[in-house]
Amino acid sequence: MSLTTDEGSAVSTSRNAQMATTANIHAPLGAVTVLHVVDAIISAKTAVVSWNENRKTRKILAKLTDEQLDDIGLSRGDIANI
């Protein structure tokens, strides 16, 4: 569509620039899928690291005597909740 007035030409150019800008905002579908996969992997890694740290802590606490646990304000039953 061609407009002969300067004002119409400016509106047309502005509209085309706006359409080009909004068309480039959205990521391609493949990129979104990759992002979800990467997020899932990072989440799984974080969960495994947290579980392993808690497992190590429980193992160390289980080796302590009842007197030592009492000194730090814990009992044998508390170890399982860590």
PDB file of N, CA and C in Angstrom:
ATOM      1  N   MET A   1       0.845  -1.173   0.000  1.00  0.00           N
ATOM      2  CA  MET A   1       0.000   0.000   0.000  1.00  0.00           C
ATOM      3  C   MET A   1       0.886   1.230   0.000  1.00  0.00           C
ATOM      4  N   SER A   2       0.674   2.121  -0.933  1.00  0.00           N
ATOM      5  CA  SER A   2       1.515   3.310  -1.038  1.00  0.00           C
ATOM      6  C   SER A   2       0.665   4.530  -0.790  1.00  0.00           C
ATOM      7  N   LEU A   3       1.144   5.377   0.097  1.00  0.00           N
ATOM      8  CA  LEU A   3       0.472   6.634   0.400  1.00  0.00           C
ATOM      9  C   LEU A   3       1.311   7.767  -0.172  1.00  0.00           C
ATOM     10  N   THR A   4       0.635   8.785  -0.702  1.00  0.00           N
ATOM     11  CA  THR A   4       1.350   9.870  -1.368  1.00  0.00           C
ATOM     12  C   THR A   4       1.667  11.026  -0.434  1.00  0.00           C
ATOM     13  N   THR A   5       1.028  11.102   0.707  1.00  0.00           N
ATOM     14  CA  THR A   5       1.289  12.227   1.601  1.00  0.00           C
ATOM     15  C   THR A   5       2.456  11.897   2.524  1.00  0.00           C
ATOM     16  N   ASP A   6       3.145  12.909   2.952  1.00  0.00           N
ATOM     17  CA  ASP A   6       4.269  12.720   3.871  1.00  0.00           C
ATOM     18  C   ASP A   6       3.777  12.147   5.201  1.00  0.00           C
ATOM     19  N   GLU A   7       2.642  12.621   5.638  1.00  0.00           N
ATOM     20  CA  GLU A   7       2.078  12.156   6.896  1.00  0.00           C
ATOM     21  C   GLU A   7       1.721  10.672   6.815  1.00  0.00           C
ATOM     22  N   GLY A   8       1.091  10.252   5.728  1.00  0.00           N
ATOM     23  CA  GLY A   8       0.726   8.855   5.534  1.00  0.00           C
ATOM     24  C   GLY A   8       1.946   7.974   5.413  1.00  0.00           C
ATOM     25  N   SER A   9       2.978   8.468   4.775  1.00  0.00           N
ATOM     26  CA  SER A   9       4.214   7.724   4.618  1.00  0.00           C
ATOM     27  C   SER A   9       4.865   7.492   5.978  1.00  0.00           C
ATOM     28  N   ALA A  10       4.829   8.481   6.825  1.00  0.00           N
ATOM     29  CA  ALA A  10       5.414   8.344   8.160  1.00  0.00           C
ATOM     30  C   ALA A  10       4.647   7.320   8.975  1.00  0.00           C
ATOM     31  N   VAL A  11       3.325   7.313   8.851  1.00  0.00           N
ATOM     32  CA  VAL A  11       2.506   6.352   9.577  1.00  0.00           C
ATOM     33  C   VAL A  11       2.795   4.947   9.073  1.00  0.00           C
ATOM     34  N   SER A  12       2.898   4.785   7.780  1.00  0.00           N
ATOM     35  CA  SER A  12       3.175   3.484   7.195  1.00  0.00           C
ATOM     36  C   SER A  12       4.540   2.962   7.649  1.00  0.00           C
ATOM     37  N   THR A  13       5.547   3.818   7.647  1.00  0.00           N
ATOM     38  CA  THR A  13       6.885   3.425   8.077  1.00  0.00           C
ATOM     39  C   THR A  13       6.882   3.058   9.550  1.00  0.00           C
ATOM     40  N   SER A  14       6.185   3.840  10.350  1.00  0.00           N
ATOM     41  CA  SER A  14       6.099   3.569  11.775  1.00  0.00           C
ATOM     42  C   SER A  14       5.419   2.234  12.038  1.00  0.00           C
ATOM     43  N   ARG A  15       4.359   1.955  11.322  1.00  0.00           N
ATOM     44  CA  ARG A  15       3.612   0.709  11.479  1.00  0.00           C
ATOM     45  C   ARG A  15       4.488  -0.487  11.098  1.00  0.00           C
ATOM     46  N   ASN A  16       5.255  -0.368  10.004  1.00  0.00           N
ATOM     47  CA  ASN A  16       6.141  -1.455   9.584  1.00  0.00           C
ATOM     48  C   ASN A  16       7.240  -1.699  10.610  1.00  0.00           C
ATOM     49  N   ALA A  17       7.786  -0.639  11.187  1.00  0.00           N
ATOM     50  CA  ALA A  17       8.827  -0.785  12.201  1.00  0.00           C
ATOM     51  C   ALA A  17       8.266  -1.472  13.436  1.00  0.00           C
ATOM     52  N   GLN A  18       7.050  -1.120  13.813  1.00  0.00           N
ATOM     53  CA  GLN A  18       6.413  -1.735  14.971  1.00  0.00           C
ATOM     54  C   GLN A  18       6.173  -3.217  14.713  1.00  0.00           C
ATOM     55  N   MET A  19       5.731  -3.587  13.544  1.00  0.00           N
ATOM     56  CA  MET A  19       5.479  -4.989  13.220  1.00  0.00           C
ATOM     57  C   MET A  19       6.781  -5.784  13.251  1.00  0.00           C
ATOM     58  N   ALA A  20       7.855  -5.204  12.761  1.00  0.00           N
ATOM     59  CA  ALA A  20       9.142  -5.891  12.757  1.00  0.00           C
ATOM     60  C   ALA A  20       9.639  -6.088  14.182  1.00  0.00           C
ATOM     61  N   THR A  21       9.438  -5.106  15.034  1.00  0.00           N
ATOM     62  CA  THR A  21       9.890  -5.205  16.416  1.00  0.00           C
ATOM     63  C   THR A  21       9.112  -6.276  17.167  1.00  0.00           C
ATOM     64  N   THR A  22       7.803  -6.289  17.046  1.00  0.00           N
ATOM     65  CA  THR A  22       7.011  -7.272  17.779  1.00  0.00           C
ATOM     66  C   THR A  22       7.224  -8.676  17.240  1.00  0.00           C
ATOM     67  N   ALA A  23       7.565  -8.805  15.981  1.00  0.00           N
ATOM     68  CA  ALA A  23       7.792 -10.131  15.416  1.00  0.00           C
ATOM     69  C   ALA A  23       9.074 -10.746  15.967  1.00  0.00           C
ATOM     70  N   ASN A  24      10.041  -9.931  16.382  1.00  0.00           N
ATOM     71  CA  ASN A  24      11.319 -10.442  16.872  1.00  0.00           C
ATOM     72  C   ASN A  24      11.360 -10.665  18.378  1.00  0.00           C
ATOM     73  N   ILE A  25      10.297 -10.348  19.103  1.00  0.00           N
ATOM     74  CA  ILE A  25      10.269 -10.502  20.554  1.00  0.00           C
ATOM     75  C   ILE A  25      10.173 -11.967  20.946  1.00  0.00           C
ATOM     76  N   HIS A  26       9.443 -12.769  20.238  1.00  0.00           N
ATOM     77  CA  HIS A  26       9.193 -14.152  20.607  1.00  0.00           C
ATOM     78  C   HIS A  26      10.342 -15.053  20.177  1.00  0.00           C
ATOM     79  N   ALA A  27      10.725 -15.964  21.075  1.00  0.00           N
ATOM     80  CA  ALA A  27      11.796 -16.909  20.760  1.00  0.00           C
ATOM     81  C   ALA A  27      11.230 -18.052  19.924  1.00  0.00           C
ATOM     82  N   PRO A  28      12.061 -18.666  19.119  1.00  0.00           N
ATOM     83  CA  PRO A  28      11.596 -19.818  18.347  1.00  0.00           C
ATOM     84  C   PRO A  28      11.208 -20.963  19.283  1.00  0.00           C
ATOM     85  N   LEU A  29      10.324 -21.815  18.831  1.00  0.00           N
ATOM     86  CA  LEU A  29       9.809 -22.908  19.659  1.00  0.00           C
ATOM     87  C   LEU A  29      10.938 -23.801  20.144  1.00  0.00           C
ATOM     88  N   GLY A  30      11.913 -24.084  19.317  1.00  0.00           N
ATOM     89  CA  GLY A  30      13.031 -24.937  19.716  1.00  0.00           C
ATOM     90  C   GLY A  30      13.822 -24.345  20.863  1.00  0.00           C
ATOM     91  N   ALA A  31      13.984 -23.036  20.873  1.00  0.00           N
ATOM     92  CA  ALA A  31      14.735 -22.374  21.939  1.00  0.00           C
ATOM     93  C   ALA A  31      13.997 -22.487  23.270  1.00  0.00           C
ATOM     94  N   VAL A  32      12.695 -22.375  23.236  1.00  0.00           N
ATOM     95  CA  VAL A  32      11.895 -22.496  24.456  1.00  0.00           C
ATOM     96  C   VAL A  32      12.003 -23.919  25.000  1.00  0.00           C
ATOM     97  N   THR A  33      11.947 -24.900  24.125  1.00  0.00           N
ATOM     98  CA  THR A  33      12.064 -26.288  24.544  1.00  0.00           C
ATOM     99  C   THR A  33      13.427 -26.548  25.167  1.00  0.00           C
ATOM    100  N   VAL A  34      14.468 -26.036  24.545  1.00  0.00           N
ATOM    101  CA  VAL A  34      15.824 -26.198  25.091  1.00  0.00           C
ATOM    102  C   VAL A  34      15.919 -25.548  26.465  1.00  0.00           C
ATOM    103  N   LEU A  35      15.329 -24.371  26.621  1.00  0.00           N
ATOM    104  CA  LEU A  35      15.336 -23.683  27.909  1.00  0.00           C
ATOM    105  C   LEU A  35      14.660 -24.536  28.983  1.00  0.00           C
ATOM    106  N   HIS A  36      13.525 -25.139  28.665  1.00  0.00           N
ATOM    107  CA  HIS A  36      12.827 -25.988  29.631  1.00  0.00           C
ATOM    108  C   HIS A  36      13.667 -27.208  29.997  1.00  0.00           C
ATOM    109  N   VAL A  37      14.327 -27.798  29.032  1.00  0.00           N
ATOM    110  CA  VAL A  37      15.173 -28.967  29.294  1.00  0.00           C
ATOM    111  C   VAL A  37      16.346 -28.569  30.189  1.00  0.00           C
ATOM    112  N   VAL A  38      16.985 -27.456  29.891  1.00  0.00           N
ATOM    113  CA  VAL A  38      18.116 -26.993  30.702  1.00  0.00           C
ATOM    114  C   VAL A  38      17.656 -26.679  32.120  1.00  0.00           C
ATOM    115  N   ASP A  39      16.508 -26.027  32.271  1.00  0.00           N
ATOM    116  CA  ASP A  39      15.966 -25.743  33.604  1.00  0.00           C
ATOM    117  C   ASP A  39      15.707 -27.026  34.380  1.00  0.00           C
ATOM    118  N   ALA A  40      15.171 -28.043  33.721  1.00  0.00           N
ATOM    119  CA  ALA A  40      14.899 -29.320  34.379  1.00  0.00           C
ATOM    120  C   ALA A  40      16.197 -29.990  34.828  1.00  0.00           C
ATOM    121  N   ILE A  41      17.230 -29.925  34.008  1.00  0.00           N
ATOM    122  CA  ILE A  41      18.518 -30.527  34.359  1.00  0.00           C
ATOM    123  C   ILE A  41      19.139 -29.803  35.549  1.00  0.00           C
ATOM    124  N   ILE A  42      19.087 -28.484  35.533  1.00  0.00           N
ATOM    125  CA  ILE A  42      19.640 -27.704  36.646  1.00  0.00           C
ATOM    126  C   ILE A  42      18.867 -27.994  37.932  1.00  0.00           C
ATOM    127  N   SER A  43      17.554 -28.107  37.838  1.00  0.00           N
ATOM    128  CA  SER A  43      16.727 -28.425  39.008  1.00  0.00           C
ATOM    129  C   SER A  43      17.082 -29.802  39.565  1.00  0.00           C
ATOM    130  N   ALA A  44      17.237 -30.771  38.689  1.00  0.00           N
ATOM    131  CA  ALA A  44      17.583 -32.121  39.124  1.00  0.00           C
ATOM    132  C   ALA A  44      18.954 -32.136  39.792  1.00  0.00           C
ATOM    133  N   LYS A  45      19.917 -31.414  39.228  1.00  0.00           N
ATOM    134  CA  LYS A  45      21.262 -31.352  39.809  1.00  0.00           C
ATOM    135  C   LYS A  45      21.209 -30.721  41.194  1.00  0.00           C
ATOM    136  N   THR A  46      20.459 -29.644  41.332  1.00  0.00           N
ATOM    137  CA  THR A  46      20.325 -28.967  42.627  1.00  0.00           C
ATOM    138  C   THR A  46      19.712 -29.892  43.667  1.00  0.00           C
ATOM    139  N   ALA A  47      18.699 -30.653  43.276  1.00  0.00           N
ATOM    140  CA  ALA A  47      18.050 -31.588  44.201  1.00  0.00           C
ATOM    141  C   ALA A  47      19.011 -32.695  44.627  1.00  0.00           C
ATOM    142  N   VAL A  48      19.801 -33.211  43.699  1.00  0.00           N
ATOM    143  CA  VAL A  48      20.752 -34.282  44.018  1.00  0.00           C
ATOM    144  C   VAL A  48      21.847 -33.764  44.947  1.00  0.00           C
ATOM    145  N   VAL A  49      22.353 -32.568  44.685  1.00  0.00           N
ATOM    146  CA  VAL A  49      23.397 -31.991  45.543  1.00  0.00           C
ATOM    147  C   VAL A  49      22.861 -31.774  46.955  1.00  0.00           C
ATOM    148  N   SER A  50      21.651 -31.262  47.072  1.00  0.00           N
ATOM    149  CA  SER A  50      21.041 -31.039  48.377  1.00  0.00           C
ATOM    150  C   SER A  50      20.837 -32.356  49.124  1.00  0.00           C
ATOM    151  N   TRP A  51      20.321 -33.358  48.431  1.00  0.00           N
ATOM    152  CA  TRP A  51      20.112 -34.682  49.042  1.00  0.00           C
ATOM    153  C   TRP A  51      21.434 -35.249  49.534  1.00  0.00           C
ATOM    154  N   ASN A  52      22.495 -35.140  48.737  1.00  0.00           N
ATOM    155  CA  ASN A  52      23.796 -35.700  49.111  1.00  0.00           C
ATOM    156  C   ASN A  52      24.382 -34.983  50.329  1.00  0.00           C
ATOM    157  N   GLU A  53      24.243 -33.672  50.391  1.00  0.00           N
ATOM    158  CA  GLU A  53      24.726 -32.927  51.563  1.00  0.00           C
ATOM    159  C   GLU A  53      23.985 -33.359  52.822  1.00  0.00           C
ATOM    160  N   ASN A  54      22.673 -33.521  52.722  1.00  0.00           N
ATOM    161  CA  ASN A  54      21.887 -33.970  53.871  1.00  0.00           C
ATOM    162  C   ASN A  54      22.277 -35.391  54.273  1.00  0.00           C
ATOM    163  N   ARG A  55      22.557 -36.254  53.307  1.00  0.00           N
ATOM    164  CA  ARG A  55      22.958 -37.630  53.583  1.00  0.00           C
ATOM    165  C   ARG A  55      24.286 -37.648  54.339  1.00  0.00           C
ATOM    166  N   LYS A  56      25.236 -36.816  53.899  1.00  0.00           N
ATOM    167  CA  LYS A  56      26.531 -36.740  54.577  1.00  0.00           C
ATOM    168  C   LYS A  56      26.377 -36.237  56.009  1.00  0.00           C
ATOM    169  N   THR A  57      25.520 -35.236  56.195  1.00  0.00           N
ATOM    170  CA  THR A  57      25.280 -34.690  57.536  1.00  0.00           C
ATOM    171  C   THR A  57      24.676 -35.752  58.445  1.00  0.00           C
ATOM    172  N   ARG A  58      23.671 -36.489  57.949  1.00  0.00           N
ATOM    173  CA  ARG A  58      23.054 -37.555  58.759  1.00  0.00           C
ATOM    174  C   ARG A  58      24.074 -38.626  59.127  1.00  0.00           C
ATOM    175  N   LYS A  59      24.949 -38.963  58.187  1.00  0.00           N
ATOM    176  CA  LYS A  59      25.964 -40.001  58.424  1.00  0.00           C
ATOM    177  C   LYS A  59      26.933 -39.559  59.525  1.00  0.00           C
ATOM    178  N   ILE A  60      27.370 -38.310  59.479  1.00  0.00           N
ATOM    179  CA  ILE A  60      28.284 -37.787  60.497  1.00  0.00           C
ATOM    180  C   ILE A  60      27.602 -37.728  61.857  1.00  0.00           C
ATOM    181  N   LEU A  61      26.359 -37.241  61.880  1.00  0.00           N
ATOM    182  CA  LEU A  61      25.631 -37.145  63.149  1.00  0.00           C
ATOM    183  C   LEU A  61      25.360 -38.521  63.749  1.00  0.00           C
ATOM    184  N   ALA A  62      25.130 -39.516  62.924  1.00  0.00           N
ATOM    185  CA  ALA A  62      24.855 -40.866  63.410  1.00  0.00           C
ATOM    186  C   ALA A  62      26.069 -41.457  64.119  1.00  0.00           C
ATOM    187  N   LYS A  63      27.258 -40.977  63.793  1.00  0.00           N
ATOM    188  CA  LYS A  63      28.482 -41.483  64.427  1.00  0.00           C
ATOM    189  C   LYS A  63      28.719 -40.872  65.815  1.00  0.00           C
ATOM    190  N   LEU A  64      28.024 -39.783  66.134  1.00  0.00           N
ATOM    191  CA  LEU A  64      28.203 -39.138  67.430  1.00  0.00           C
ATOM    192  C   LEU A  64      27.530 -39.941  68.540  1.00  0.00           C
ATOM    193  N   THR A  65      28.046 -39.790  69.748  1.00  0.00           N
ATOM    194  CA  THR A  65      27.420 -40.446  70.901  1.00  0.00           C
ATOM    195  C   THR A  65      26.186 -39.647  71.321  1.00  0.00           C
ATOM    196  N   ASP A  66      25.375 -40.259  72.160  1.00  0.00           N
ATOM    197  CA  ASP A  66      24.180 -39.574  72.656  1.00  0.00           C
ATOM    198  C   ASP A  66      24.552 -38.311  73.440  1.00  0.00           C
ATOM    199  N   GLU A  67      25.663 -38.360  74.192  1.00  0.00           N
ATOM    200  CA  GLU A  67      26.110 -37.200  74.959  1.00  0.00           C
ATOM    201  C   GLU A  67      26.521 -36.059  74.020  1.00  0.00           C
ATOM    202  N   GLN A  68      27.221 -36.407  72.952  1.00  0.00           N
ATOM    203  CA  GLN A  68      27.630 -35.378  71.994  1.00  0.00           C
ATOM    204  C   GLN A  68      26.420 -34.760  71.297  1.00  0.00           C
ATOM    205  N   LEU A  69      25.455 -35.590  70.948  1.00  0.00           N
ATOM    206  CA  LEU A  69      24.231 -35.069  70.326  1.00  0.00           C
ATOM    207  C   LEU A  69      23.486 -34.148  71.288  1.00  0.00           C
ATOM    208  N   ASP A  70      23.452 -34.545  72.570  1.00  0.00           N
ATOM    209  CA  ASP A  70      22.778 -33.730  73.580  1.00  0.00           C
ATOM    210  C   ASP A  70      23.482 -32.375  73.731  1.00  0.00           C
ATOM    211  N   ASP A  71      24.815 -32.367  73.607  1.00  0.00           N
ATOM    212  CA  ASP A  71      25.570 -31.121  73.713  1.00  0.00           C
ATOM    213  C   ASP A  71      25.195 -30.126  72.611  1.00  0.00           C
ATOM    214  N   ILE A  72      24.853 -30.613  71.439  1.00  0.00           N
ATOM    215  CA  ILE A  72      24.479 -29.712  70.340  1.00  0.00           C
ATOM    216  C   ILE A  72      22.962 -29.568  70.203  1.00  0.00           C
ATOM    217  N   GLY A  73      22.243 -30.127  71.168  1.00  0.00           N
ATOM    218  CA  GLY A  73      20.789 -29.933  71.215  1.00  0.00           C
ATOM    219  C   GLY A  73      20.000 -30.849  70.300  1.00  0.00           C
ATOM    220  N   LEU A  74      20.565 -32.029  69.993  1.00  0.00           N
ATOM    221  CA  LEU A  74      19.867 -32.994  69.138  1.00  0.00           C
ATOM    222  C   LEU A  74      19.710 -34.320  69.857  1.00  0.00           C
ATOM    223  N   SER A  75      18.782 -35.119  69.358  1.00  0.00           N
ATOM    224  CA  SER A  75      18.636 -36.493  69.827  1.00  0.00           C
ATOM    225  C   SER A  75      18.729 -37.411  68.625  1.00  0.00           C
ATOM    226  N   ARG A  76      18.792 -38.706  68.861  1.00  0.00           N
ATOM    227  CA  ARG A  76      18.881 -39.667  67.736  1.00  0.00           C
ATOM    228  C   ARG A  76      17.674 -39.521  66.790  1.00  0.00           C
ATOM    229  N   GLY A  77      16.528 -39.260  67.336  1.00  0.00           N
ATOM    230  CA  GLY A  77      15.325 -39.099  66.509  1.00  0.00           C
ATOM    231  C   GLY A  77      15.359 -37.882  65.579  1.00  0.00           C
ATOM    232  N   ASP A  78      16.128 -36.886  65.981  1.00  0.00           N
ATOM    233  CA  ASP A  78      16.241 -35.667  65.163  1.00  0.00           C
ATOM    234  C   ASP A  78      17.057 -35.880  63.898  1.00  0.00           C
ATOM    235  N   ILE A  79      17.952 -36.865  63.927  1.00  0.00           N
ATOM    236  CA  ILE A  79      18.847 -37.082  62.777  1.00  0.00           C
ATOM    237  C   ILE A  79      18.058 -37.415  61.511  1.00  0.00           C
ATOM    238  N   ALA A  80      17.024 -38.204  61.647  1.00  0.00           N
ATOM    239  CA  ALA A  80      16.229 -38.606  60.483  1.00  0.00           C
ATOM    240  C   ALA A  80      15.514 -37.419  59.822  1.00  0.00           C
ATOM    241  N   ASN A  81      15.277 -36.364  60.587  1.00  0.00           N
ATOM    242  CA  ASN A  81      14.561 -35.199  60.042  1.00  0.00           C
ATOM    243  C   ASN A  81      15.467 -34.229  59.303  1.00  0.00           C
ATOM    244  N   ILE A  82      16.746 -34.526  59.271  1.00  0.00           N
ATOM    245  CA  ILE A  82      17.691 -33.618  58.597  1.00  0.00           C
ATOM    246  C   ILE A  82      17.793 -33.979  57.126  1.00  0.00           C
TER     247      ILE A  82
END
